[in-house]
Amino acid sequence: FTLVSNFSIAENFALVRLPGLASAADISARAAESVRAAERLGWTIDPDQKVRNLSVGEQQRVEILKALGGQARVLIFDEPTAVLSPDE
């Protein structure tokens, strides 16, 4: 994972597109975009939650949302479900 464990989910989302430090407004805007993307995928996320408190499956979803929020043109997944439990 490329998440910063001491950051919130929203702060991790803000890191995707910002060249420098993010303001609170930037973090909130990036989080709102990612929450909408999560909802479209049927996922529920709390952007204020610290990454260190997430399960491996939740971290995987945050990574996917980060990639989508960065407006990637192509995503290549190499066994994205390998670390997930059967329920996830």
Protein backbone atom coordinates (compact mmCIF):
# COMPACT_ATOMS: atom_id res chain seq x y z
CA PHE A 1 0.00 0.00 0.00
CA THR A 2 1.07 3.58 -0.61
CA LEU A 3 -1.16 5.06 2.08
CA VAL A 4 0.14 7.21 4.92
CA SER A 5 -1.12 5.34 7.98
CA ASN A 6 -1.15 8.35 10.32
CA PHE A 7 -3.23 10.38 7.86
CA SER A 8 -6.98 10.24 7.51
CA ILE A 9 -8.54 8.77 4.39
CA ALA A 10 -9.33 12.32 3.20
CA GLU A 11 -5.73 13.43 3.70
CA ASN A 12 -4.52 10.45 1.69
CA PHE A 13 -6.92 11.36 -1.12
CA ALA A 14 -5.60 14.92 -1.12
CA LEU A 15 -2.04 13.68 -1.67
CA VAL A 16 -2.94 12.29 -5.08
CA ARG A 17 -3.18 15.55 -7.02
CA LEU A 18 -1.49 18.20 -4.96
CA PRO A 19 2.10 19.26 -5.68
CA GLY A 20 2.55 20.68 -2.18
CA LEU A 21 0.75 20.94 1.12
CA ALA A 22 -3.03 20.86 1.00
CA SER A 23 -5.37 23.31 2.65
CA ALA A 24 -8.41 22.10 4.58
CA ALA A 25 -10.64 23.09 1.63
CA ASP A 26 -8.53 21.02 -0.78
CA ILE A 27 -8.70 18.00 1.53
CA SER A 28 -12.48 18.32 1.89
CA ALA A 29 -12.99 18.67 -1.87
CA ARG A 30 -10.86 15.63 -2.68
CA ALA A 31 -12.61 13.61 0.02
CA ALA A 32 -16.05 14.56 -1.30
CA GLU A 33 -15.09 13.39 -4.80
CA SER A 34 -13.83 10.08 -3.45
CA VAL A 35 -16.88 9.54 -1.24
CA ARG A 36 -19.09 9.97 -4.32
CA ALA A 37 -16.93 7.47 -6.23
CA ALA A 38 -17.19 5.01 -3.33
CA GLU A 39 -20.96 5.36 -3.27
CA ARG A 40 -21.13 4.62 -7.01
CA LEU A 41 -19.22 1.40 -6.28
CA GLY A 42 -21.49 0.52 -3.34
CA TRP A 43 -18.77 1.19 -0.75
CA THR A 44 -19.11 3.21 2.43
CA ILE A 45 -16.11 5.18 3.67
CA ASP A 46 -15.56 7.67 6.47
CA PRO A 47 -13.06 10.21 5.12
CA ASP A 48 -12.13 11.31 8.65
CA GLN A 49 -11.03 7.83 9.74
CA LYS A 50 -7.30 7.19 10.14
CA VAL A 51 -5.88 4.70 7.66
CA ARG A 52 -4.10 2.82 10.47
CA ASN A 53 -7.53 1.76 11.79
CA LEU A 54 -8.68 0.18 8.51
CA SER A 55 -8.73 -3.51 7.63
CA VAL A 56 -6.60 -4.68 4.72
CA GLY A 57 -9.70 -4.84 2.52
CA GLU A 58 -10.67 -1.29 3.42
CA GLN A 59 -7.15 -0.09 2.68
CA GLN A 60 -7.36 -1.82 -0.71
CA ARG A 61 -10.57 0.07 -1.47
CA VAL A 62 -8.99 3.37 -0.42
CA GLU A 63 -6.07 2.66 -2.77
CA ILE A 64 -8.50 2.04 -5.63
CA LEU A 65 -10.39 5.24 -4.83
CA LYS A 66 -7.09 7.15 -4.70
CA ALA A 67 -6.25 5.92 -8.18
CA LEU A 68 -9.69 6.88 -9.46
CA GLY A 69 -9.44 10.29 -7.78
CA GLY A 70 -6.11 10.90 -9.45
CA GLN A 71 -7.93 10.61 -12.75
CA ALA A 72 -5.77 7.76 -13.95
CA ARG A 73 -6.33 6.94 -17.59
CA VAL A 74 -5.52 3.25 -17.10
CA LEU A 75 -5.59 1.05 -13.99
CA ILE A 76 -3.83 -2.29 -14.02
CA PHE A 77 -4.73 -4.65 -11.19
CA ASP A 78 -2.44 -7.54 -10.32
CA GLU A 79 -4.49 -9.91 -8.17
CA PRO A 80 -6.35 -7.11 -6.35
CA THR A 81 -8.38 -9.59 -4.31
CA ALA A 82 -5.42 -11.70 -3.15
CA VAL A 83 -5.22 -9.97 0.26
CA LEU A 84 -8.96 -9.90 0.88
CA SER A 85 -10.93 -12.24 3.09
CA PRO A 86 -13.72 -14.32 1.45
CA ASP A 87 -16.37 -11.86 2.75
CA GLU A 88 -14.54 -8.87 1.31
